[in-house]
Protein backbone atom coordinates (compact mmCIF):
# COMPACT_ATOMS: atom_id res chain seq x y z
CA MET A 1 5.57 -24.06 21.94
CA HIS A 2 6.70 -21.56 19.30
CA GLU A 3 9.05 -18.97 20.72
CA THR A 4 9.07 -15.42 19.42
CA THR A 5 12.24 -13.41 19.15
CA ASP A 6 10.97 -10.36 21.03
CA THR A 7 9.02 -11.97 23.88
CA SER A 8 10.43 -13.89 26.82
CA THR A 9 9.22 -17.43 27.35
CA GLU A 10 7.52 -16.39 30.59
CA ALA A 11 5.68 -13.51 28.94
CA GLU A 12 4.62 -15.74 26.06
CA GLU A 13 3.22 -18.31 28.51
CA VAL A 14 1.20 -15.57 30.25
CA GLN A 15 -0.11 -14.33 26.89
CA LEU A 16 -1.16 -17.84 25.88
CA ALA A 17 -2.86 -18.44 29.24
CA LEU A 18 -4.81 -15.19 28.85
CA LEU A 19 -5.84 -16.11 25.30
CA ARG A 20 -6.95 -19.58 26.39
CA ALA A 21 -9.03 -18.05 29.19
CA MET A 22 -10.92 -15.80 26.75
CA SER A 23 -14.23 -16.80 25.28
CA GLY A 24 -14.38 -17.44 21.55
CA ARG A 25 -16.29 -14.18 21.11
CA ASP A 26 -13.61 -12.23 23.00
CA ARG A 27 -10.83 -13.83 20.94
CA VAL A 28 -12.58 -12.86 17.71
CA ARG A 29 -13.16 -9.33 19.02
CA GLN A 30 -9.49 -8.99 20.03
CA THR A 31 -8.37 -10.30 16.64
CA CYS A 32 -10.54 -7.72 14.88
CA VAL A 33 -9.19 -4.89 17.04
CA LEU A 34 -5.57 -5.91 16.43
CA SER A 35 -6.21 -6.34 12.71
CA SER A 36 -7.76 -2.87 12.52
CA HIS A 37 -4.78 -1.35 14.33
CA LEU A 38 -2.34 -3.07 11.97
CA ARG A 39 -4.23 -1.83 8.89
CA GLN A 40 -4.21 1.70 10.27
CA MET A 41 -0.47 1.50 11.01
CA ALA A 42 0.20 0.30 7.46
CA LEU A 43 -1.92 3.08 5.94
CA ASN A 44 -0.13 5.66 8.10
CA ALA A 45 3.26 4.31 6.99
CA ILE A 46 2.22 4.60 3.33
CA ARG A 47 0.99 8.18 3.93
CA LYS A 48 4.28 9.08 5.58
CA ARG A 49 6.36 7.57 2.80
CA PHE A 50 4.22 8.98 -0.04
CA PRO A 51 2.72 12.26 1.24
CA GLU A 52 1.77 13.28 -2.31
CA MET A 53 -0.81 10.46 -2.55
CA ASP A 54 -4.45 11.24 -1.89
CA ASP A 55 -6.57 8.95 0.29
CA SER A 56 -7.76 6.80 -2.64
CA GLU A 57 -4.23 6.27 -3.92
CA ASN A 58 -3.11 5.46 -0.38
CA LYS A 59 -5.79 2.77 -0.05
CA LEU A 60 -4.90 1.31 -3.45
CA ALA A 61 -1.23 1.15 -2.43
CA PHE A 62 -2.28 -0.70 0.73
CA ILE A 63 -4.36 -3.14 -1.32
CA GLU A 64 -1.44 -3.71 -3.68
CA LEU A 65 0.97 -4.39 -0.80
CA THR A 66 -1.50 -6.64 0.98
CA PHE A 67 -3.32 -8.50 -1.80
CA GLY A 68 -1.20 -7.95 -4.90
CA LYS A 69 -0.99 -5.76 -7.97
CA SER A 70 -3.63 -7.57 -10.01
CA LEU A 71 -6.33 -6.85 -7.43
CA SER A 72 -5.30 -3.21 -6.99
CA ASP A 73 -5.23 -2.78 -10.78
CA ALA A 74 -8.70 -4.33 -11.10
CA ILE A 75 -10.07 -2.02 -8.40
CA ARG A 76 -8.32 0.98 -9.96
CA SER A 77 -9.92 0.23 -13.34
CA GLN A 78 -13.36 -0.16 -11.73
CA VAL A 79 -12.98 3.14 -9.87
CA THR A 80 -11.71 5.09 -12.86
CA GLY A 81 -14.26 3.41 -15.14
CA ALA A 82 -17.10 4.23 -12.73
CA SER A 83 -16.09 7.90 -12.50
CA ARG A 84 -16.33 8.48 -16.26
């Protein structure tokens, strides 16, 4: 079993037992909820660090941090090209 640094072995065993008891549908749902929360936390952190950015710039910064500069640049060029 992989041990985390911030969770006791006992707590990790309980978490794994709960995950194993979930249906596949519930595991997917839980994964989506957690993923959404993490995205929102990341966007909020970017907003806090760069309050001068508007919402579009904030989302592009998130894309750059998550997927890389080439994708964010490609999206930026599509957005700016589409608004002309």
